[in-house]
Amino acid sequence: MLFIRSLLLLVMLSLPTVARSDLKQLTILTEEFPPYNYSDGKSAQGINSEQVKQLLNKVALEKQIEFLPWNRAYHIALNQANVLIFSLARLEFREKMFHWIGKLSDTQICAFSLKSASELNAVNTLDQMQQYRVATQRDSHTKQILANQGYRNYQNLLDAESVAHSIKLLNHQRVDFIIHSKEVFYYQLSNLGTDIKSLIQTNFCINTYPLYLAASLETPLATVKQLQAAFKQIKQP
């Protein structure tokens, strides 16, 4: 009998578990990407942040959402275990790079230019735009979309740290176009003043892409499945 008990104990200890301690190992990363996710100085705000906070409440996990520059957050999520990241566009090339917890929202990608640059008014496709200089965000899905179309770094593709930085490059004529999330671009543009807003136009829009909460690939599958199940529950009407 003692032998059987000892054997059962060894089997139980060898089985993978999904304890709260697994969830407590999680780090949750995002960027300033209003209106989807942004910080008010005290906590995470925005339509996507609210869904992530609901998920954390659902699994009884008290964790702060950390705001980092996107390229830094993205590289941490690519290279470390137990990392959640949002709002991450779900694209084909990223499919096997992350575990996808759940869809938060959609965003539309558009190209913007100065109204005063009349020679650019007729540009309404990615192919036409390729002969011009374009600002996008490092490690973003917009940059990957352009790279797939043949755009190249330091030729017709320049990295910008933020929307404000992109607009600065545009105003100083270091780039001809900005390509970014339409919702985020106009949200941040409105905060920069009506004078700047009146100088910029939308040339064309590309596609709408889903934004997700995702987990790093090395995150334990048991943790991933627990989060996926909880996310489905909070999305139920």
C-alpha atoms as a PDB file:
ATOM      1  CA  MET A   1       0.000   0.000   0.000  1.00  0.00           C
ATOM      2  CA  LEU A   2       2.817   2.404   0.848  1.00  0.00           C
ATOM      3  CA  PHE A   3       4.433   1.612  -2.498  1.00  0.00           C
ATOM      4  CA  ILE A   4       1.200   2.431  -4.371  1.00  0.00           C
ATOM      5  CA  ARG A   5       0.803   5.741  -2.528  1.00  0.00           C
ATOM      6  CA  SER A   6       4.381   6.701  -3.291  1.00  0.00           C
ATOM      7  CA  LEU A   7       3.889   5.812  -6.955  1.00  0.00           C
ATOM      8  CA  LEU A   8       0.704   7.912  -7.173  1.00  0.00           C
ATOM      9  CA  LEU A   9       2.494  10.847  -5.558  1.00  0.00           C
ATOM     10  CA  LEU A  10       5.321  10.637  -8.094  1.00  0.00           C
ATOM     11  CA  VAL A  11       2.812  10.552 -10.982  1.00  0.00           C
ATOM     12  CA  MET A  12       0.933  13.565  -9.634  1.00  0.00           C
ATOM     13  CA  LEU A  13       4.128  15.562  -9.194  1.00  0.00           C
ATOM     14  CA  SER A  14       5.210  14.783 -12.737  1.00  0.00           C
ATOM     15  CA  LEU A  15       1.979  16.041 -14.318  1.00  0.00           C
ATOM     16  CA  PRO A  16       1.885  19.591 -15.721  1.00  0.00           C
ATOM     17  CA  THR A  17      -0.280  21.930 -13.682  1.00  0.00           C
ATOM     18  CA  VAL A  18      -2.090  25.170 -14.352  1.00  0.00           C
ATOM     19  CA  ALA A  19      -1.841  26.876 -11.011  1.00  0.00           C
ATOM     20  CA  ARG A  20      -2.263  30.547 -10.263  1.00  0.00           C
ATOM     21  CA  SER A  21       1.485  30.712  -9.823  1.00  0.00           C
ATOM     22  CA  ASP A  22       1.793  30.179 -13.596  1.00  0.00           C
ATOM     23  CA  LEU A  23      -0.355  33.222 -14.264  1.00  0.00           C
ATOM     24  CA  LYS A  24       1.578  35.266 -11.751  1.00  0.00           C
ATOM     25  CA  GLN A  25       4.668  34.822 -13.891  1.00  0.00           C
ATOM     26  CA  LEU A  26       3.055  36.782 -16.714  1.00  0.00           C
ATOM     27  CA  THR A  27       4.287  40.177 -17.880  1.00  0.00           C
ATOM     28  CA  ILE A  28       1.741  42.271 -19.806  1.00  0.00           C
ATOM     29  CA  LEU A  29       3.105  44.698 -22.378  1.00  0.00           C
ATOM     30  CA  THR A  30       1.597  47.283 -24.673  1.00  0.00           C
ATOM     31  CA  GLU A  31       2.371  50.685 -26.200  1.00  0.00           C
ATOM     32  CA  GLU A  32       0.809  54.120 -26.446  1.00  0.00           C
ATOM     33  CA  PHE A  33      -1.688  53.396 -29.216  1.00  0.00           C
ATOM     34  CA  PRO A  34      -4.795  55.482 -28.501  1.00  0.00           C
ATOM     35  CA  PRO A  35      -7.747  55.055 -28.646  1.00  0.00           C
ATOM     36  CA  TYR A  36      -7.022  51.321 -28.324  1.00  0.00           C
ATOM     37  CA  ASN A  37      -4.494  51.429 -25.479  1.00  0.00           C
ATOM     38  CA  TYR A  38      -2.869  54.319 -23.663  1.00  0.00           C
ATOM     39  CA  SER A  39      -1.823  55.395 -20.184  1.00  0.00           C
ATOM     40  CA  ASP A  40      -3.339  58.238 -18.190  1.00  0.00           C
ATOM     41  CA  GLY A  41      -0.324  58.206 -15.892  1.00  0.00           C
ATOM     42  CA  LYS A  42      -1.988  55.907 -13.390  1.00  0.00           C
ATOM     43  CA  SER A  43      -3.465  52.995 -15.293  1.00  0.00           C
ATOM     44  CA  ALA A  44      -4.095  51.574 -18.751  1.00  0.00           C
ATOM     45  CA  GLN A  45      -6.988  53.105 -20.654  1.00  0.00           C
ATOM     46  CA  GLY A  46      -8.584  52.528 -24.050  1.00  0.00           C
ATOM     47  CA  ILE A  47     -11.012  50.098 -25.635  1.00  0.00           C
ATOM     48  CA  ASN A  48      -8.480  47.271 -25.895  1.00  0.00           C
ATOM     49  CA  SER A  49      -6.960  47.894 -22.469  1.00  0.00           C
ATOM     50  CA  GLU A  50     -10.410  47.555 -20.911  1.00  0.00           C
ATOM     51  CA  GLN A  51     -10.858  44.102 -22.424  1.00  0.00           C
ATOM     52  CA  VAL A  52      -7.453  42.987 -21.183  1.00  0.00           C
ATOM     53  CA  LYS A  53      -8.284  44.258 -17.694  1.00  0.00           C
ATOM     54  CA  GLN A  54     -11.560  42.322 -17.809  1.00  0.00           C
ATOM     55  CA  LEU A  55      -9.590  39.198 -18.649  1.00  0.00           C
ATOM     56  CA  LEU A  56      -7.210  39.774 -15.749  1.00  0.00           C
ATOM     57  CA  ASN A  57     -10.162  40.169 -13.412  1.00  0.00           C
ATOM     58  CA  LYS A  58     -11.690  36.984 -14.793  1.00  0.00           C
ATOM     59  CA  VAL A  59      -8.604  34.930 -13.935  1.00  0.00           C
ATOM     60  CA  ALA A  60      -8.127  36.802 -10.639  1.00  0.00           C
ATOM     61  CA  LEU A  61      -4.722  38.128 -11.650  1.00  0.00           C
ATOM     62  CA  GLU A  62      -3.521  41.445 -10.257  1.00  0.00           C
ATOM     63  CA  LYS A  63      -0.929  42.723 -12.708  1.00  0.00           C
ATOM     64  CA  GLN A  64       0.055  46.135 -14.006  1.00  0.00           C
ATOM     65  CA  ILE A  65       0.004  46.657 -17.746  1.00  0.00           C
ATOM     66  CA  GLU A  66       3.413  48.007 -18.765  1.00  0.00           C
ATOM     67  CA  PHE A  67       3.778  50.632 -21.509  1.00  0.00           C
ATOM     68  CA  LEU A  68       6.931  50.428 -23.626  1.00  0.00           C
ATOM     69  CA  PRO A  69       8.033  51.625 -27.054  1.00  0.00           C
ATOM     70  CA  TRP A  70       6.542  49.142 -29.527  1.00  0.00           C
ATOM     71  CA  ASN A  71       9.817  47.764 -30.898  1.00  0.00           C
ATOM     72  CA  ARG A  72      11.024  47.001 -27.356  1.00  0.00           C
ATOM     73  CA  ALA A  73       7.744  45.363 -26.283  1.00  0.00           C
ATOM     74  CA  TYR A  74       7.642  43.349 -29.499  1.00  0.00           C
ATOM     75  CA  HIS A  75      11.183  42.019 -29.100  1.00  0.00           C
ATOM     76  CA  ILE A  76      10.556  41.046 -25.474  1.00  0.00           C
ATOM     77  CA  ALA A  77       7.436  39.139 -26.526  1.00  0.00           C
ATOM     78  CA  LEU A  78       9.404  37.377 -29.267  1.00  0.00           C
ATOM     79  CA  ASN A  79      12.242  36.281 -27.006  1.00  0.00           C
ATOM     80  CA  GLN A  80      10.874  35.706 -23.495  1.00  0.00           C
ATOM     81  CA  ALA A  81       8.393  33.312 -21.935  1.00  0.00           C
ATOM     82  CA  ASN A  82       5.254  34.347 -20.062  1.00  0.00           C
ATOM     83  CA  VAL A  83       4.699  37.604 -21.930  1.00  0.00           C
ATOM     84  CA  LEU A  84       1.325  38.952 -23.057  1.00  0.00           C
ATOM     85  CA  ILE A  85       1.310  41.709 -25.680  1.00  0.00           C
ATOM     86  CA  PHE A  86      -1.401  43.848 -27.266  1.00  0.00           C
ATOM     87  CA  SER A  87      -2.608  45.353 -29.582  1.00  0.00           C
ATOM     88  CA  LEU A  88      -0.853  42.993 -31.992  1.00  0.00           C
ATOM     89  CA  ALA A  89      -2.075  42.778 -35.588  1.00  0.00           C
ATOM     90  CA  ARG A  90      -2.652  39.170 -36.556  1.00  0.00           C
ATOM     91  CA  LEU A  91      -0.892  38.714 -39.878  1.00  0.00           C
ATOM     92  CA  GLU A  92       0.089  35.580 -41.774  1.00  0.00           C
ATOM     93  CA  PHE A  93       3.816  35.976 -41.151  1.00  0.00           C
ATOM     94  CA  ARG A  94       3.181  36.261 -37.384  1.00  0.00           C
ATOM     95  CA  GLU A  95       0.823  33.293 -37.133  1.00  0.00           C
ATOM     96  CA  LYS A  96       3.378  30.830 -35.743  1.00  0.00           C
ATOM     97  CA  MET A  97       5.334  33.423 -33.768  1.00  0.00           C
ATOM     98  CA  PHE A  98       2.751  33.855 -30.985  1.00  0.00           C
ATOM     99  CA  HIS A  99      -0.130  32.184 -29.191  1.00  0.00           C
ATOM    100  CA  TRP A 100      -3.299  34.120 -30.015  1.00  0.00           C
ATOM    101  CA  ILE A 101      -5.451  34.665 -26.927  1.00  0.00           C
ATOM    102  CA  GLY A 102      -8.316  36.641 -28.461  1.00  0.00           C
ATOM    103  CA  LYS A 103      -9.368  39.374 -30.825  1.00  0.00           C
ATOM    104  CA  LEU A 104      -9.761  42.831 -29.289  1.00  0.00           C
ATOM    105  CA  SER A 105     -10.754  45.041 -32.241  1.00  0.00           C
ATOM    106  CA  ASP A 106      -9.961  46.016 -35.831  1.00  0.00           C
ATOM    107  CA  THR A 107      -7.921  48.832 -37.316  1.00  0.00           C
ATOM    108  CA  GLN A 108      -7.722  50.300 -40.815  1.00  0.00           C
ATOM    109  CA  ILE A 109      -4.358  51.207 -42.339  1.00  0.00           C
ATOM    110  CA  CYS A 110      -4.172  54.397 -44.419  1.00  0.00           C
ATOM    111  CA  ALA A 111      -1.612  56.638 -46.140  1.00  0.00           C
ATOM    112  CA  PHE A 112      -1.410  60.343 -45.288  1.00  0.00           C
ATOM    113  CA  SER A 113       0.358  63.313 -46.884  1.00  0.00           C
ATOM    114  CA  LEU A 114       0.467  67.109 -46.763  1.00  0.00           C
ATOM    115  CA  LYS A 115      -2.340  68.837 -48.641  1.00  0.00           C
ATOM    116  CA  SER A 116       0.197  71.364 -49.918  1.00  0.00           C
ATOM    117  CA  ALA A 117       2.059  68.609 -51.785  1.00  0.00           C
ATOM    118  CA  SER A 118      -0.333  68.715 -54.723  1.00  0.00           C
ATOM    119  CA  GLU A 119       1.809  66.373 -56.796  1.00  0.00           C
ATOM    120  CA  LEU A 120       0.932  63.593 -54.324  1.00  0.00           C
ATOM    121  CA  ASN A 121      -2.836  63.966 -54.600  1.00  0.00           C
ATOM    122  CA  ALA A 122      -3.096  61.370 -57.356  1.00  0.00           C
ATOM    123  CA  VAL A 123      -1.181  58.709 -55.383  1.00  0.00           C
ATOM    124  CA  ASN A 124      -3.743  56.133 -54.303  1.00  0.00           C
ATOM    125  CA  THR A 125      -2.017  52.720 -54.277  1.00  0.00           C
ATOM    126  CA  LEU A 126       0.981  51.130 -52.556  1.00  0.00           C
ATOM    127  CA  ASP A 127       2.634  50.617 -55.928  1.00  0.00           C
ATOM    128  CA  GLN A 128       2.369  54.317 -56.774  1.00  0.00           C
ATOM    129  CA  MET A 129       3.612  55.314 -53.327  1.00  0.00           C
ATOM    130  CA  GLN A 130       6.717  53.154 -53.634  1.00  0.00           C
ATOM    131  CA  GLN A 131       8.658  55.872 -55.464  1.00  0.00           C
ATOM    132  CA  TYR A 132       8.261  58.198 -52.465  1.00  0.00           C
ATOM    133  CA  ARG A 133       9.632  58.301 -48.912  1.00  0.00           C
ATOM    134  CA  VAL A 134       7.297  56.772 -46.342  1.00  0.00           C
ATOM    135  CA  ALA A 135       7.353  56.951 -42.527  1.00  0.00           C
ATOM    136  CA  THR A 136       6.176  53.975 -40.519  1.00  0.00           C
ATOM    137  CA  GLN A 137       6.783  52.498 -37.080  1.00  0.00           C
ATOM    138  CA  ARG A 138       9.655  50.120 -36.382  1.00  0.00           C
ATOM    139  CA  ASP A 139       8.587  46.458 -36.031  1.00  0.00           C
ATOM    140  CA  SER A 140       4.967  47.358 -36.779  1.00  0.00           C
ATOM    141  CA  HIS A 141       2.617  45.444 -39.032  1.00  0.00           C
ATOM    142  CA  THR A 142       2.466  48.464 -41.334  1.00  0.00           C
ATOM    143  CA  LYS A 143       6.217  48.233 -41.867  1.00  0.00           C
ATOM    144  CA  GLN A 144       5.963  44.537 -42.665  1.00  0.00           C
ATOM    145  CA  ILE A 145       3.159  45.196 -45.150  1.00  0.00           C
ATOM    146  CA  LEU A 146       5.349  47.719 -46.958  1.00  0.00           C
ATOM    147  CA  ALA A 147       8.407  45.459 -46.815  1.00  0.00           C
ATOM    148  CA  ASN A 148       6.368  42.715 -48.465  1.00  0.00           C
ATOM    149  CA  GLN A 149       5.566  45.198 -51.250  1.00  0.00           C
ATOM    150  CA  GLY A 150       9.251  45.836 -51.905  1.00  0.00           C
ATOM    151  CA  TYR A 151       9.847  48.906 -49.740  1.00  0.00           C
ATOM    152  CA  ARG A 152      13.347  49.090 -48.275  1.00  0.00           C
ATOM    153  CA  ASN A 153      14.863  50.665 -45.150  1.00  0.00           C
ATOM    154  CA  TYR A 154      16.736  53.932 -45.686  1.00  0.00           C
ATOM    155  CA  GLN A 155      15.588  54.038 -49.311  1.00  0.00           C
ATOM    156  CA  ASN A 156      11.864  54.663 -49.364  1.00  0.00           C
ATOM    157  CA  LEU A 157      11.082  53.484 -45.831  1.00  0.00           C
ATOM    158  CA  LEU A 158      11.953  55.441 -42.674  1.00  0.00           C
ATOM    159  CA  ASP A 159      11.351  54.418 -39.066  1.00  0.00           C
ATOM    160  CA  ALA A 160       9.446  56.788 -36.782  1.00  0.00           C
ATOM    161  CA  GLU A 161       9.129  56.476 -33.021  1.00  0.00           C
ATOM    162  CA  SER A 162       5.542  57.766 -32.868  1.00  0.00           C
ATOM    163  CA  VAL A 163       2.785  59.531 -34.786  1.00  0.00           C
ATOM    164  CA  ALA A 164       4.132  62.881 -33.548  1.00  0.00           C
ATOM    165  CA  HIS A 165       7.585  61.956 -34.840  1.00  0.00           C
ATOM    166  CA  SER A 166       6.075  60.926 -38.191  1.00  0.00           C
ATOM    167  CA  ILE A 167       4.279  64.255 -38.506  1.00  0.00           C
ATOM    168  CA  LYS A 168       7.494  66.092 -37.670  1.00  0.00           C
ATOM    169  CA  LEU A 169       9.263  64.202 -40.470  1.00  0.00           C
ATOM    170  CA  LEU A 170       6.411  65.066 -42.813  1.00  0.00           C
ATOM    171  CA  ASN A 171       6.419  68.763 -41.926  1.00  0.00           C
ATOM    172  CA  HIS A 172      10.177  68.938 -42.422  1.00  0.00           C
ATOM    173  CA  GLN A 173       9.766  67.187 -45.796  1.00  0.00           C
ATOM    174  CA  ARG A 174      11.979  64.300 -44.798  1.00  0.00           C
ATOM    175  CA  VAL A 175       9.158  61.965 -45.855  1.00  0.00           C
ATOM    176  CA  ASP A 176       6.320  62.307 -48.339  1.00  0.00           C
ATOM    177  CA  PHE A 177       3.831  59.936 -46.725  1.00  0.00           C
ATOM    178  CA  ILE A 178       2.914  58.470 -43.369  1.00  0.00           C
ATOM    179  CA  ILE A 179       1.297  55.042 -43.226  1.00  0.00           C
ATOM    180  CA  HIS A 180      -0.459  54.231 -39.975  1.00  0.00           C
ATOM    181  CA  SER A 181      -3.638  53.091 -38.279  1.00  0.00           C
ATOM    182  CA  LYS A 182      -6.330  55.573 -39.315  1.00  0.00           C
ATOM    183  CA  GLU A 183      -7.998  55.566 -35.909  1.00  0.00           C
ATOM    184  CA  VAL A 184      -4.752  56.104 -34.020  1.00  0.00           C
ATOM    185  CA  PHE A 185      -3.437  58.695 -36.448  1.00  0.00           C
ATOM    186  CA  TYR A 186      -6.495  60.926 -36.266  1.00  0.00           C
ATOM    187  CA  TYR A 187      -6.830  60.490 -32.517  1.00  0.00           C
ATOM    188  CA  GLN A 188      -3.292  61.715 -31.973  1.00  0.00           C
ATOM    189  CA  LEU A 189      -3.555  64.311 -34.698  1.00  0.00           C
ATOM    190  CA  SER A 190      -6.505  65.909 -32.911  1.00  0.00           C
ATOM    191  CA  ASN A 191      -4.327  66.326 -29.823  1.00  0.00           C
ATOM    192  CA  LEU A 192      -1.696  68.216 -31.804  1.00  0.00           C
ATOM    193  CA  GLY A 193      -4.034  71.064 -32.733  1.00  0.00           C
ATOM    194  CA  THR A 194      -6.450  71.984 -35.506  1.00  0.00           C
ATOM    195  CA  ASP A 195      -3.763  73.871 -37.454  1.00  0.00           C
ATOM    196  CA  ILE A 196      -1.750  70.709 -38.057  1.00  0.00           C
ATOM    197  CA  LYS A 197      -4.856  68.619 -38.699  1.00  0.00           C
ATOM    198  CA  SER A 198      -5.970  70.969 -41.475  1.00  0.00           C
ATOM    199  CA  LEU A 199      -2.646  70.516 -43.287  1.00  0.00           C
ATOM    200  CA  ILE A 200      -2.875  66.725 -43.661  1.00  0.00           C
ATOM    201  CA  GLN A 201      -5.014  64.592 -45.946  1.00  0.00           C
ATOM    202  CA  THR A 202      -5.816  60.893 -46.336  1.00  0.00           C
ATOM    203  CA  ASN A 203      -4.664  59.658 -49.735  1.00  0.00           C
ATOM    204  CA  PHE A 204      -5.952  56.088 -49.574  1.00  0.00           C
ATOM    205  CA  CYS A 205      -6.582  53.189 -47.223  1.00  0.00           C
ATOM    206  CA  ILE A 206      -5.344  49.628 -47.595  1.00  0.00           C
ATOM    207  CA  ASN A 207      -7.037  46.972 -45.492  1.00  0.00           C
ATOM    208  CA  THR A 208      -8.566  46.424 -42.098  1.00  0.00           C
ATOM    209  CA  TYR A 209      -6.558  44.193 -39.757  1.00  0.00           C
ATOM    210  CA  PRO A 210      -7.558  42.429 -36.522  1.00  0.00           C
ATOM    211  CA  LEU A 211      -5.808  43.490 -33.318  1.00  0.00           C
ATOM    212  CA  TYR A 212      -5.192  40.731 -30.765  1.00  0.00           C
ATOM    213  CA  LEU A 213      -4.003  39.950 -27.299  1.00  0.00           C
ATOM    214  CA  ALA A 214      -1.231  37.399 -27.821  1.00  0.00           C
ATOM    215  CA  ALA A 215       1.171  35.390 -25.683  1.00  0.00           C
ATOM    216  CA  SER A 216       4.846  34.760 -26.353  1.00  0.00           C
ATOM    217  CA  LEU A 217       5.590  31.411 -27.947  1.00  0.00           C
ATOM    218  CA  GLU A 218       7.447  30.065 -24.893  1.00  0.00           C
ATOM    219  CA  THR A 219       4.480  30.688 -22.591  1.00  0.00           C
ATOM    220  CA  PRO A 220       3.243  27.331 -21.200  1.00  0.00           C
ATOM    221  CA  LEU A 221       0.347  25.905 -23.225  1.00  0.00           C
ATOM    222  CA  ALA A 222      -1.659  25.313 -20.072  1.00  0.00           C
ATOM    223  CA  THR A 223      -1.487  29.033 -19.293  1.00  0.00           C
ATOM    224  CA  VAL A 224      -2.398  29.912 -22.881  1.00  0.00           C
ATOM    225  CA  LYS A 225      -5.445  27.634 -22.866  1.00  0.00           C
ATOM    226  CA  GLN A 226      -6.614  29.020 -19.530  1.00  0.00           C
ATOM    227  CA  LEU A 227      -6.414  32.564 -20.865  1.00  0.00           C
ATOM    228  CA  GLN A 228      -8.121  31.643 -24.144  1.00  0.00           C
ATOM    229  CA  ALA A 229     -11.004  30.006 -22.290  1.00  0.00           C
ATOM    230  CA  ALA A 230     -11.402  33.000 -19.961  1.00  0.00           C
ATOM    231  CA  PHE A 231     -11.290  35.414 -22.911  1.00  0.00           C
ATOM    232  CA  LYS A 232     -14.113  33.552 -24.643  1.00  0.00           C
ATOM    233  CA  GLN A 233     -16.182  33.885 -21.490  1.00  0.00           C
ATOM    234  CA  ILE A 234     -15.772  37.659 -21.231  1.00  0.00           C
ATOM    235  CA  LYS A 235     -16.676  38.043 -24.919  1.00  0.00           C
ATOM    236  CA  GLN A 236     -19.940  36.155 -24.558  1.00  0.00           C
ATOM    237  CA  PRO A 237     -23.019  38.435 -24.780  1.00  0.00           C
END
